């Protein structure tokens, strides 16, 4: 009975170590999904407060993770505006601050 419980414990440890290694791999190469969603919400809030856009003016925001960037620059994304040209803008999040890679104009008052 002792030998069986040791084998089961060893198998569990091996499985948990594989899960840990796979989790590290996922986070390193694909990023934390919560932080990607957080970066999308940060840019949406930035567009509302700083640029004057409303939700209807923004078609979509795609956040992504780039493992090749420096430590604070890994989360970035693309904004698609809801205009006639469906204009694309890129941004990066550096320690909670938004940096525009493409100049996002302020909303024109109609």
PDB file of N, CA and C in Angstrom:
ATOM      1  N   UNK A   1       0.815  -1.192   0.000  1.00  0.00           N
ATOM      2  CA  UNK A   1       0.000   0.000   0.000  1.00  0.00           C
ATOM      3  C   UNK A   1       0.864   1.264   0.000  1.00  0.00           C
ATOM      4  N   UNK A   2       1.963   1.224   0.742  1.00  0.00           N
ATOM      5  CA  UNK A   2       2.862   2.370   0.794  1.00  0.00           C
ATOM      6  C   UNK A   2       3.471   2.661  -0.570  1.00  0.00           C
ATOM      7  N   UNK A   3       3.844   1.620  -1.250  1.00  0.00           N
ATOM      8  CA  UNK A   3       4.484   1.778  -2.555  1.00  0.00           C
ATOM      9  C   UNK A   3       3.494   2.396  -3.558  1.00  0.00           C
ATOM     10  N   UNK A   4       2.248   1.975  -3.508  1.00  0.00           N
ATOM     11  CA  UNK A   4       1.229   2.509  -4.409  1.00  0.00           C
ATOM     12  C   UNK A   4       1.000   3.996  -4.154  1.00  0.00           C
ATOM     13  N   UNK A   5       0.930   4.403  -2.914  1.00  0.00           N
ATOM     14  CA  UNK A   5       0.705   5.819  -2.598  1.00  0.00           C
ATOM     15  C   UNK A   5       1.908   6.670  -3.020  1.00  0.00           C
ATOM     16  N   UNK A   6       3.107   6.140  -2.918  1.00  0.00           N
ATOM     17  CA  UNK A   6       4.299   6.875  -3.365  1.00  0.00           C
ATOM     18  C   UNK A   6       4.283   7.060  -4.880  1.00  0.00           C
ATOM     19  N   UNK A   7       3.864   6.034  -5.597  1.00  0.00           N
ATOM     20  CA  UNK A   7       3.781   6.122  -7.065  1.00  0.00           C
ATOM     21  C   UNK A   7       2.727   7.136  -7.474  1.00  0.00           C
ATOM     22  N   UNK A   8       1.587   7.114  -6.806  1.00  0.00           N
ATOM     23  CA  UNK A   8       0.519   8.083  -7.107  1.00  0.00           C
ATOM     24  C   UNK A   8       1.006   9.500  -6.812  1.00  0.00           C
ATOM     25  N   UNK A   9       1.686   9.689  -5.686  1.00  0.00           N
ATOM     26  CA  UNK A   9       2.215  11.007  -5.341  1.00  0.00           C
ATOM     27  C   UNK A   9       3.243  11.469  -6.370  1.00  0.00           C
ATOM     28  N   UNK A  10       4.087  10.581  -6.828  1.00  0.00           N
ATOM     29  CA  UNK A  10       5.094  10.915  -7.841  1.00  0.00           C
ATOM     30  C   UNK A  10       4.429  11.306  -9.152  1.00  0.00           C
ATOM     31  N   UNK A  11       3.415  10.558  -9.562  1.00  0.00           N
ATOM     32  CA  UNK A  11       2.684  10.871 -10.799  1.00  0.00           C
ATOM     33  C   UNK A  11       2.023  12.239 -10.682  1.00  0.00           C
ATOM     34  N   UNK A  12       1.413  12.542  -9.529  1.00  0.00           N
ATOM     35  CA  UNK A  12       0.792  13.854  -9.322  1.00  0.00           C
ATOM     36  C   UNK A  12       1.818  14.982  -9.395  1.00  0.00           C
ATOM     37  N   UNK A  13       2.966  14.786  -8.793  1.00  0.00           N
ATOM     38  CA  UNK A  13       4.023  15.804  -8.849  1.00  0.00           C
ATOM     39  C   UNK A  13       4.506  16.038 -10.277  1.00  0.00           C
ATOM     40  N   UNK A  14       4.665  14.967 -11.035  1.00  0.00           N
ATOM     41  CA  UNK A  14       5.095  15.092 -12.430  1.00  0.00           C
ATOM     42  C   UNK A  14       4.039  15.854 -13.230  1.00  0.00           C
ATOM     43  N   UNK A  15       2.765  15.515 -13.060  1.00  0.00           N
ATOM     44  CA  UNK A  15       1.690  16.202 -13.783  1.00  0.00           C
ATOM     45  C   UNK A  15       1.616  17.676 -13.401  1.00  0.00           C
ATOM     46  N   UNK A  16       1.735  17.972 -12.121  1.00  0.00           N
ATOM     47  CA  UNK A  16       1.701  19.368 -11.683  1.00  0.00           C
ATOM     48  C   UNK A  16       2.897  20.151 -12.200  1.00  0.00           C
ATOM     49  N   UNK A  17       4.050  19.518 -12.282  1.00  0.00           N
ATOM     50  CA  UNK A  17       5.214  20.232 -12.815  1.00  0.00           C
ATOM     51  C   UNK A  17       5.034  20.531 -14.305  1.00  0.00           C
ATOM     52  N   UNK A  18       4.447  19.582 -15.050  1.00  0.00           N
ATOM     53  CA  UNK A  18       4.169  19.849 -16.467  1.00  0.00           C
ATOM     54  C   UNK A  18       3.166  20.985 -16.612  1.00  0.00           C
ATOM     55  N   UNK A  19       2.153  21.024 -15.759  1.00  0.00           N
ATOM     56  CA  UNK A  19       1.169  22.107 -15.798  1.00  0.00           C
ATOM     57  C   UNK A  19       1.847  23.446 -15.495  1.00  0.00           C
ATOM     58  N   UNK A  20       2.766  23.457 -14.537  1.00  0.00           N
ATOM     59  CA  UNK A  20       3.482  24.683 -14.211  1.00  0.00           C
ATOM     60  C   UNK A  20       4.367  25.159 -15.349  1.00  0.00           C
ATOM     61  N   UNK A  21       5.055  24.245 -15.977  1.00  0.00           N
ATOM     62  CA  UNK A  21       5.914  24.596 -17.121  1.00  0.00           C
ATOM     63  C   UNK A  21       5.065  25.119 -18.276  1.00  0.00           C
ATOM     64  N   UNK A  22       3.933  24.463 -18.531  1.00  0.00           N
ATOM     65  CA  UNK A  22       3.048  24.910 -19.607  1.00  0.00           C
ATOM     66  C   UNK A  22       2.465  26.293 -19.287  1.00  0.00           C
ATOM     67  N   UNK A  23       2.104  26.527 -18.024  1.00  0.00           N
ATOM     68  CA  UNK A  23       1.594  27.840 -17.624  1.00  0.00           C
ATOM     69  C   UNK A  23       2.630  28.932 -17.820  1.00  0.00           C
ATOM     70  N   UNK A  24       3.880  28.645 -17.475  1.00  0.00           N
ATOM     71  CA  UNK A  24       4.964  29.609 -17.698  1.00  0.00           C
ATOM     72  C   UNK A  24       5.121  29.895 -19.185  1.00  0.00           C
ATOM     73  N   UNK A  25       5.085  28.846 -19.994  1.00  0.00           N
ATOM     74  CA  UNK A  25       5.190  28.987 -21.449  1.00  0.00           C
ATOM     75  C   UNK A  25       4.072  29.879 -21.970  1.00  0.00           C
ATOM     76  N   UNK A  26       2.840  29.623 -21.528  1.00  0.00           N
ATOM     77  CA  UNK A  26       1.680  30.417 -21.977  1.00  0.00           C
ATOM     78  C   UNK A  26       1.865  31.887 -21.617  1.00  0.00           C
ATOM     79  N   UNK A  27       2.213  32.164 -20.348  1.00  0.00           N
ATOM     80  CA  UNK A  27       2.372  33.549 -19.911  1.00  0.00           C
ATOM     81  C   UNK A  27       3.537  34.240 -20.599  1.00  0.00           C
ATOM     82  N   UNK A  28       4.616  33.529 -20.841  1.00  0.00           N
ATOM     83  CA  UNK A  28       5.787  34.142 -21.451  1.00  0.00           C
ATOM     84  C   UNK A  28       5.544  34.496 -22.913  1.00  0.00           C
ATOM     85  N   UNK A  29       4.952  33.602 -23.673  1.00  0.00           N
ATOM     86  CA  UNK A  29       4.790  33.833 -25.107  1.00  0.00           C
ATOM     87  C   UNK A  29       3.464  34.478 -25.490  1.00  0.00           C
ATOM     88  N   UNK A  30       2.410  34.273 -24.703  1.00  0.00           N
ATOM     89  CA  UNK A  30       1.090  34.784 -25.079  1.00  0.00           C
ATOM     90  C   UNK A  30       0.537  35.818 -24.120  1.00  0.00           C
ATOM     91  N   UNK A  31       1.196  36.063 -23.016  1.00  0.00           N
ATOM     92  CA  UNK A  31       0.784  37.097 -22.084  1.00  0.00           C
ATOM     93  C   UNK A  31      -0.381  36.696 -21.206  1.00  0.00           C
ATOM     94  N   UNK A  32      -0.660  37.558 -20.266  1.00  0.00           N
ATOM     95  CA  UNK A  32      -1.755  37.347 -19.337  1.00  0.00           C
ATOM     96  C   UNK A  32      -3.031  37.895 -19.967  1.00  0.00           C
ATOM     97  N   UNK A  33      -4.047  37.062 -20.181  1.00  0.00           N
ATOM     98  CA  UNK A  33      -5.284  37.542 -20.819  1.00  0.00           C
ATOM     99  C   UNK A  33      -5.952  38.678 -20.053  1.00  0.00           C
ATOM    100  N   UNK A  34      -5.839  38.666 -18.733  1.00  0.00           N
ATOM    101  CA  UNK A  34      -6.433  39.744 -17.938  1.00  0.00           C
ATOM    102  C   UNK A  34      -5.725  41.065 -18.207  1.00  0.00           C
ATOM    103  N   UNK A  35      -4.408  41.034 -18.351  1.00  0.00           N
ATOM    104  CA  UNK A  35      -3.657  42.261 -18.630  1.00  0.00           C
ATOM    105  C   UNK A  35      -3.917  42.754 -20.056  1.00  0.00           C
ATOM    106  N   UNK A  36      -4.129  41.843 -20.985  1.00  0.00           N
ATOM    107  CA  UNK A  36      -4.470  42.252 -22.353  1.00  0.00           C
ATOM    108  C   UNK A  36      -5.815  42.966 -22.339  1.00  0.00           C
ATOM    109  N   UNK A  37      -6.798  42.406 -21.638  1.00  0.00           N
ATOM    110  CA  UNK A  37      -8.121  43.026 -21.524  1.00  0.00           C
ATOM    111  C   UNK A  37      -8.013  44.364 -20.795  1.00  0.00           C
ATOM    112  N   UNK A  38      -7.163  44.417 -19.782  1.00  0.00           N
ATOM    113  CA  UNK A  38      -6.942  45.659 -19.036  1.00  0.00           C
ATOM    114  C   UNK A  38      -6.344  46.739 -19.939  1.00  0.00           C
ATOM    115  N   UNK A  39      -5.432  46.352 -20.835  1.00  0.00           N
ATOM    116  CA  UNK A  39      -4.845  47.337 -21.754  1.00  0.00           C
ATOM    117  C   UNK A  39      -5.898  47.860 -22.724  1.00  0.00           C
ATOM    118  N   UNK A  40      -6.818  46.995 -23.143  1.00  0.00           N
ATOM    119  CA  UNK A  40      -7.911  47.440 -24.019  1.00  0.00           C
ATOM    120  C   UNK A  40      -8.811  48.443 -23.293  1.00  0.00           C
ATOM    121  N   UNK A  41      -9.107  48.166 -22.025  1.00  0.00           N
ATOM    122  CA  UNK A  41      -9.944  49.081 -21.248  1.00  0.00           C
ATOM    123  C   UNK A  41      -9.216  50.398 -20.970  1.00  0.00           C
ATOM    124  N   UNK A  42      -7.904  50.331 -20.760  1.00  0.00           N
ATOM    125  CA  UNK A  42      -7.116  51.543 -20.529  1.00  0.00           C
ATOM    126  C   UNK A  42      -7.149  52.444 -21.754  1.00  0.00           C
ATOM    127  N   UNK A  43      -6.987  51.881 -22.945  1.00  0.00           N
ATOM    128  CA  UNK A  43      -7.007  52.717 -24.152  1.00  0.00           C
ATOM    129  C   UNK A  43      -8.408  53.236 -24.427  1.00  0.00           C
ATOM    130  N   UNK A  44      -9.439  52.443 -24.121  1.00  0.00           N
ATOM    131  CA  UNK A  44     -10.817  52.915 -24.305  1.00  0.00           C
ATOM    132  C   UNK A  44     -11.088  54.119 -23.398  1.00  0.00           C
ATOM    133  N   UNK A  45     -10.661  54.026 -22.148  1.00  0.00           N
ATOM    134  CA  UNK A  45     -10.826  55.137 -21.207  1.00  0.00           C
ATOM    135  C   UNK A  45     -10.034  56.363 -21.671  1.00  0.00           C
ATOM    136  N   UNK A  46      -8.828  56.127 -22.186  1.00  0.00           N
ATOM    137  CA  UNK A  46      -7.992  57.211 -22.710  1.00  0.00           C
ATOM    138  C   UNK A  46      -8.692  57.907 -23.881  1.00  0.00           C
ATOM    139  N   UNK A  47      -9.277  57.135 -24.772  1.00  0.00           N
ATOM    140  CA  UNK A  47      -9.975  57.721 -25.920  1.00  0.00           C
ATOM    141  C   UNK A  47     -11.181  58.537 -25.477  1.00  0.00           C
ATOM    142  N   UNK A  48     -11.868  58.099 -24.446  1.00  0.00           N
ATOM    143  CA  UNK A  48     -13.022  58.844 -23.933  1.00  0.00           C
ATOM    144  C   UNK A  48     -12.584  60.155 -23.273  1.00  0.00           C
ATOM    145  N   UNK A  49     -11.615  60.064 -22.360  1.00  0.00           N
ATOM    146  CA  UNK A  49     -11.249  61.229 -21.556  1.00  0.00           C
ATOM    147  C   UNK A  49     -10.342  62.208 -22.292  1.00  0.00           C
ATOM    148  N   UNK A  50      -9.319  61.700 -22.974  1.00  0.00           N
ATOM    149  CA  UNK A  50      -8.314  62.575 -23.582  1.00  0.00           C
ATOM    150  C   UNK A  50      -8.672  63.020 -25.000  1.00  0.00           C
ATOM    151  N   UNK A  51      -9.298  62.149 -25.767  1.00  0.00           N
ATOM    152  CA  UNK A  51      -9.540  62.440 -27.181  1.00  0.00           C
ATOM    153  C   UNK A  51     -10.999  62.786 -27.490  1.00  0.00           C
ATOM    154  N   UNK A  52     -11.919  62.537 -26.549  1.00  0.00           N
ATOM    155  CA  UNK A  52     -13.314  62.923 -26.737  1.00  0.00           C
ATOM    156  C   UNK A  52     -14.160  61.963 -27.560  1.00  0.00           C
ATOM    157  N   UNK A  53     -13.707  60.739 -27.754  1.00  0.00           N
ATOM    158  CA  UNK A  53     -14.468  59.757 -28.523  1.00  0.00           C
ATOM    159  C   UNK A  53     -15.497  59.058 -27.641  1.00  0.00           C
ATOM    160  N   UNK A  54     -16.572  58.610 -28.264  1.00  0.00           N
ATOM    161  CA  UNK A  54     -17.596  57.824 -27.578  1.00  0.00           C
ATOM    162  C   UNK A  54     -17.496  56.385 -28.067  1.00  0.00           C
ATOM    163  N   UNK A  55     -18.230  55.487 -27.415  1.00  0.00           N
ATOM    164  CA  UNK A  55     -18.195  54.073 -27.817  1.00  0.00           C
ATOM    165  C   UNK A  55     -18.614  53.876 -29.265  1.00  0.00           C
ATOM    166  N   UNK A  56     -19.569  54.662 -29.747  1.00  0.00           N
ATOM    167  CA  UNK A  56     -20.032  54.501 -31.137  1.00  0.00           C
ATOM    168  C   UNK A  56     -18.972  54.927 -32.151  1.00  0.00           C
ATOM    169  N   UNK A  57     -17.979  55.726 -31.722  1.00  0.00           N
ATOM    170  CA  UNK A  57     -16.912  56.167 -32.619  1.00  0.00           C
ATOM    171  C   UNK A  57     -15.810  55.122 -32.777  1.00  0.00           C
ATOM    172  N   UNK A  58     -15.781  54.150 -31.866  1.00  0.00           N
ATOM    173  CA  UNK A  58     -14.732  53.123 -31.855  1.00  0.00           C
ATOM    174  C   UNK A  58     -15.344  51.823 -32.351  1.00  0.00           C
ATOM    175  N   UNK A  59     -14.830  51.316 -33.464  1.00  0.00           N
ATOM    176  CA  UNK A  59     -15.353  50.048 -33.994  1.00  0.00           C
ATOM    177  C   UNK A  59     -14.855  48.866 -33.180  1.00  0.00           C
ATOM    178  N   UNK A  60     -13.530  48.823 -32.922  1.00  0.00           N
ATOM    179  CA  UNK A  60     -12.980  47.707 -32.167  1.00  0.00           C
ATOM    180  C   UNK A  60     -11.600  48.071 -31.631  1.00  0.00           C
ATOM    181  N   UNK A  61     -11.228  47.406 -30.550  1.00  0.00           N
ATOM    182  CA  UNK A  61      -9.897  47.545 -29.978  1.00  0.00           C
ATOM    183  C   UNK A  61      -9.348  46.141 -29.790  1.00  0.00           C
ATOM    184  N   UNK A  62      -8.185  45.884 -30.384  1.00  0.00           N
ATOM    185  CA  UNK A  62      -7.533  44.583 -30.267  1.00  0.00           C
ATOM    186  C   UNK A  62      -6.253  44.752 -29.453  1.00  0.00           C
ATOM    187  N   UNK A  63      -6.207  44.145 -28.282  1.00  0.00           N
ATOM    188  CA  UNK A  63      -5.003  44.157 -27.479  1.00  0.00           C
ATOM    189  C   UNK A  63      -4.183  42.916 -27.766  1.00  0.00           C
ATOM    190  N   UNK A  64      -2.874  43.018 -27.608  1.00  0.00           N
ATOM    191  CA  UNK A  64      -2.025  41.851 -27.787  1.00  0.00           C
ATOM    192  C   UNK A  64      -0.782  41.979 -26.921  1.00  0.00           C
ATOM    193  N   UNK A  65      -0.035  40.905 -26.849  1.00  0.00           N
ATOM    194  CA  UNK A  65       1.175  40.803 -26.032  1.00  0.00           C
ATOM    195  C   UNK A  65       2.348  40.508 -26.954  1.00  0.00           C
ATOM    196  N   UNK A  66       3.436  41.250 -26.779  1.00  0.00           N
ATOM    197  CA  UNK A  66       4.626  41.037 -27.592  1.00  0.00           C
ATOM    198  C   UNK A  66       5.781  40.690 -26.660  1.00  0.00           C
ATOM    199  N   UNK A  67       6.141  39.411 -26.599  1.00  0.00           N
ATOM    200  CA  UNK A  67       7.171  38.963 -25.673  1.00  0.00           C
ATOM    201  C   UNK A  67       8.569  39.457 -26.044  1.00  0.00           C
ATOM    202  N   UNK A  68       8.755  39.970 -27.244  1.00  0.00           N
ATOM    203  CA  UNK A  68      10.078  40.431 -27.673  1.00  0.00           C
ATOM    204  C   UNK A  68      10.400  41.835 -27.174  1.00  0.00           C
ATOM    205  N   UNK A  69       9.398  42.586 -26.745  1.00  0.00           N
ATOM    206  CA  UNK A  69       9.610  43.957 -26.290  1.00  0.00           C
ATOM    207  C   UNK A  69      10.266  43.979 -24.916  1.00  0.00           C
ATOM    208  N   UNK A  70      10.736  45.153 -24.524  1.00  0.00           N
ATOM    209  CA  UNK A  70      11.327  45.338 -23.199  1.00  0.00           C
ATOM    210  C   UNK A  70      10.261  45.115 -22.129  1.00  0.00           C
ATOM    211  N   UNK A  71      10.680  45.005 -20.903  1.00  0.00           N
ATOM    212  CA  UNK A  71       9.811  44.581 -19.821  1.00  0.00           C
ATOM    213  C   UNK A  71       8.518  45.384 -19.702  1.00  0.00           C
ATOM    214  N   UNK A  72       8.554  46.696 -19.740  1.00  0.00           N
ATOM    215  CA  UNK A  72       7.353  47.500 -19.555  1.00  0.00           C
ATOM    216  C   UNK A  72       6.556  47.744 -20.811  1.00  0.00           C
ATOM    217  N   UNK A  73       6.999  47.287 -21.963  1.00  0.00           N
ATOM    218  CA  UNK A  73       6.375  47.627 -23.240  1.00  0.00           C
ATOM    219  C   UNK A  73       5.693  46.440 -23.903  1.00  0.00           C
ATOM    220  N   UNK A  74       5.402  45.406 -23.190  1.00  0.00           N
ATOM    221  CA  UNK A  74       4.928  44.171 -23.805  1.00  0.00           C
ATOM    222  C   UNK A  74       3.469  44.221 -24.252  1.00  0.00           C
ATOM    223  N   UNK A  75       2.642  45.044 -23.626  1.00  0.00           N
ATOM    224  CA  UNK A  75       1.222  45.085 -23.964  1.00  0.00           C
ATOM    225  C   UNK A  75       0.942  46.257 -24.897  1.00  0.00           C
ATOM    226  N   UNK A  76       0.285  45.961 -26.000  1.00  0.00           N
ATOM    227  CA  UNK A  76      -0.004  46.960 -27.013  1.00  0.00           C
ATOM    228  C   UNK A  76      -1.314  46.584 -27.710  1.00  0.00           C
ATOM    229  N   UNK A  77      -1.630  47.304 -28.776  1.00  0.00           N
ATOM    230  CA  UNK A  77      -2.846  46.966 -29.491  1.00  0.00           C
ATOM    231  C   UNK A  77      -3.096  47.856 -30.686  1.00  0.00           C
ATOM    232  N   UNK A  78      -4.245  47.595 -31.295  1.00  0.00           N
ATOM    233  CA  UNK A  78      -4.686  48.334 -32.478  1.00  0.00           C
ATOM    234  C   UNK A  78      -6.115  48.792 -32.251  1.00  0.00           C
ATOM    235  N   UNK A  79      -6.377  50.014 -32.671  1.00  0.00           N
ATOM    236  CA  UNK A  79      -7.719  50.586 -32.568  1.00  0.00           C
ATOM    237  C   UNK A  79      -8.257  50.737 -33.978  1.00  0.00           C
ATOM    238  N   UNK A  80      -9.489  50.325 -34.199  1.00  0.00           N
ATOM    239  CA  UNK A  80     -10.170  50.553 -35.472  1.00  0.00           C
ATOM    240  C   UNK A  80     -11.295  51.541 -35.193  1.00  0.00           C
ATOM    241  N   UNK A  81     -11.224  52.690 -35.850  1.00  0.00           N
ATOM    242  CA  UNK A  81     -12.239  53.710 -35.641  1.00  0.00           C
ATOM    243  C   UNK A  81     -13.438  53.460 -36.556  1.00  0.00           C
ATOM    244  N   UNK A  82     -14.578  53.890 -36.113  1.00  0.00           N
ATOM    245  CA  UNK A  82     -15.820  53.691 -36.861  1.00  0.00           C
ATOM    246  C   UNK A  82     -16.067  54.923 -37.737  1.00  0.00           C
ATOM    247  N   UNK A  83     -15.217  55.117 -38.727  1.00  0.00           N
ATOM    248  CA  UNK A  83     -15.387  56.200 -39.679  1.00  0.00           C
ATOM    249  C   UNK A  83     -15.475  55.597 -41.080  1.00  0.00           C
ATOM    250  N   UNK A  84     -15.550  56.432 -42.077  1.00  0.00           N
ATOM    251  CA  UNK A  84     -15.718  55.931 -43.448  1.00  0.00           C
ATOM    252  C   UNK A  84     -14.533  55.099 -43.911  1.00  0.00           C
ATOM    253  N   UNK A  85     -13.347  55.404 -43.425  1.00  0.00           N
ATOM    254  CA  UNK A  85     -12.136  54.701 -43.864  1.00  0.00           C
ATOM    255  C   UNK A  85     -11.744  53.556 -42.932  1.00  0.00           C
ATOM    256  N   UNK A  86     -12.424  53.408 -41.794  1.00  0.00           N
ATOM    257  CA  UNK A  86     -12.066  52.409 -40.776  1.00  0.00           C
ATOM    258  C   UNK A  86     -10.574  52.526 -40.438  1.00  0.00           C
ATOM    259  N   UNK A  87     -10.176  53.717 -40.026  1.00  0.00           N
ATOM    260  CA  UNK A  87      -8.792  54.049 -39.758  1.00  0.00           C
ATOM    261  C   UNK A  87      -8.221  53.208 -38.613  1.00  0.00           C
ATOM    262  N   UNK A  88      -6.976  52.762 -38.784  1.00  0.00           N
ATOM    263  CA  UNK A  88      -6.276  51.965 -37.768  1.00  0.00           C
ATOM    264  C   UNK A  88      -5.246  52.827 -37.050  1.00  0.00           C
ATOM    265  N   UNK A  89      -5.176  52.673 -35.733  1.00  0.00           N
ATOM    266  CA  UNK A  89      -4.171  53.345 -34.919  1.00  0.00           C
ATOM    267  C   UNK A  89      -3.543  52.309 -34.005  1.00  0.00           C
ATOM    268  N   UNK A  90      -2.252  52.467 -33.736  1.00  0.00           N
ATOM    269  CA  UNK A  90      -1.546  51.551 -32.841  1.00  0.00           C
ATOM    270  C   UNK A  90      -1.175  52.270 -31.559  1.00  0.00           C
ATOM    271  N   UNK A  91      -1.115  51.500 -30.486  1.00  0.00           N
ATOM    272  CA  UNK A  91      -0.743  52.064 -29.190  1.00  0.00           C
ATOM    273  C   UNK A  91       0.054  51.040 -28.395  1.00  0.00           C
ATOM    274  N   UNK A  92       0.738  51.522 -27.364  1.00  0.00           N
ATOM    275  CA  UNK A  92       1.434  50.668 -26.404  1.00  0.00           C
ATOM    276  C   UNK A  92       1.073  51.148 -25.014  1.00  0.00           C
ATOM    277  N   UNK A  93       1.113  50.242 -24.074  1.00  0.00           N
ATOM    278  CA  UNK A  93       0.897  50.578 -22.671  1.00  0.00           C
ATOM    279  C   UNK A  93       2.234  50.396 -21.951  1.00  0.00           C
ATOM    280  N   UNK A  94       2.742  51.480 -21.359  1.00  0.00           N
ATOM    281  CA  UNK A  94       3.995  51.437 -20.606  1.00  0.00           C
ATOM    282  C   UNK A  94       3.662  51.752 -19.155  1.00  0.00           C
ATOM    283  N   UNK A  95       3.702  50.759 -18.304  1.00  0.00           N
ATOM    284  CA  UNK A  95       3.454  50.934 -16.875  1.00  0.00           C
ATOM    285  C   UNK A  95       2.153  51.704 -16.619  1.00  0.00           C
ATOM    286  N   UNK A  96       1.098  51.339 -17.323  1.00  0.00           N
ATOM    287  CA  UNK A  96      -0.218  51.937 -17.120  1.00  0.00           C
ATOM    288  C   UNK A  96      -0.472  53.211 -17.898  1.00  0.00           C
ATOM    289  N   UNK A  97       0.500  53.708 -18.641  1.00  0.00           N
ATOM    290  CA  UNK A  97       0.327  54.927 -19.432  1.00  0.00           C
ATOM    291  C   UNK A  97       0.218  54.561 -20.905  1.00  0.00           C
ATOM    292  N   UNK A  98      -0.601  55.313 -21.628  1.00  0.00           N
ATOM    293  CA  UNK A  98      -0.826  55.074 -23.049  1.00  0.00           C
ATOM    294  C   UNK A  98       0.171  55.877 -23.868  1.00  0.00           C
ATOM    295  N   UNK A  99       0.806  55.201 -24.823  1.00  0.00           N
ATOM    296  CA  UNK A  99       1.683  55.858 -25.787  1.00  0.00           C
ATOM    297  C   UNK A  99       1.155  55.553 -27.174  1.00  0.00           C
ATOM    298  N   UNK A 100       0.853  56.612 -27.908  1.00  0.00           N
ATOM    299  CA  UNK A 100       0.320  56.467 -29.259  1.00  0.00           C
ATOM    300  C   UNK A 100       1.471  56.218 -30.223  1.00  0.00           C
ATOM    301  N   UNK A 101       1.415  55.131 -30.948  1.00  0.00           N
ATOM    302  CA  UNK A 101       2.412  54.883 -31.991  1.00  0.00           C
ATOM    303  C   UNK A 101       2.004  55.596 -33.272  1.00  0.00           C
ATOM    304  N   UNK A 102       0.708  55.752 -33.458  1.00  0.00           N
ATOM    305  CA  UNK A 102       0.155  56.566 -34.546  1.00  0.00           C
ATOM    306  C   UNK A 102      -0.586  57.719 -33.876  1.00  0.00           C
ATOM    307  N   UNK A 103      -0.475  58.921 -34.440  1.00  0.00           N
ATOM    308  CA  UNK A 103      -1.140  60.083 -33.859  1.00  0.00           C
ATOM    309  C   UNK A 103      -2.653  59.929 -33.948  1.00  0.00           C
ATOM    310  N   UNK A 104      -3.307  59.826 -32.815  1.00  0.00           N
ATOM    311  CA  UNK A 104      -4.767  59.709 -32.780  1.00  0.00           C
ATOM    312  C   UNK A 104      -5.307  61.131 -32.636  1.00  0.00           C
ATOM    313  N   UNK A 105      -6.043  61.616 -33.633  1.00  0.00           N
ATOM    314  CA  UNK A 105      -6.546  62.988 -33.550  1.00  0.00           C
ATOM    315  C   UNK A 105      -7.674  63.098 -32.531  1.00  0.00           C
ATOM    316  N   UNK A 106      -7.860  64.309 -31.993  1.00  0.00           N
ATOM    317  CA  UNK A 106      -9.002  64.536 -31.116  1.00  0.00           C
ATOM    318  C   UNK A 106     -10.262  64.525 -31.973  1.00  0.00           C
ATOM    319  N   UNK A 107     -11.368  64.172 -31.352  1.00  0.00           N
ATOM    320  CA  UNK A 107     -12.629  64.096 -32.095  1.00  0.00           C
ATOM    321  C   UNK A 107     -13.066  65.491 -32.505  1.00  0.00           C
ATOM    322  N   UNK A 108     -13.465  65.608 -33.758  1.00  0.00           N
ATOM    323  CA  UNK A 108     -13.964  66.857 -34.288  1.00  0.00           C
ATOM    324  C   UNK A 108     -15.395  67.077 -33.798  1.00  0.00           C
ATOM    325  N   UNK A 109     -15.690  68.263 -33.312  1.00  0.00           N
ATOM    326  CA  UNK A 109     -17.060  68.594 -32.884  1.00  0.00           C
ATOM    327  C   UNK A 109     -17.925  68.809 -34.119  1.00  0.00           C
ATOM    328  N   UNK A 110     -19.095  68.198 -34.116  1.00  0.00           N
ATOM    329  CA  UNK A 110     -19.984  68.347 -35.285  1.00  0.00           C
ATOM    330  C   UNK A 110     -20.999  69.416 -35.064  1.00  0.00           C
TER     331      UNK A 110
END
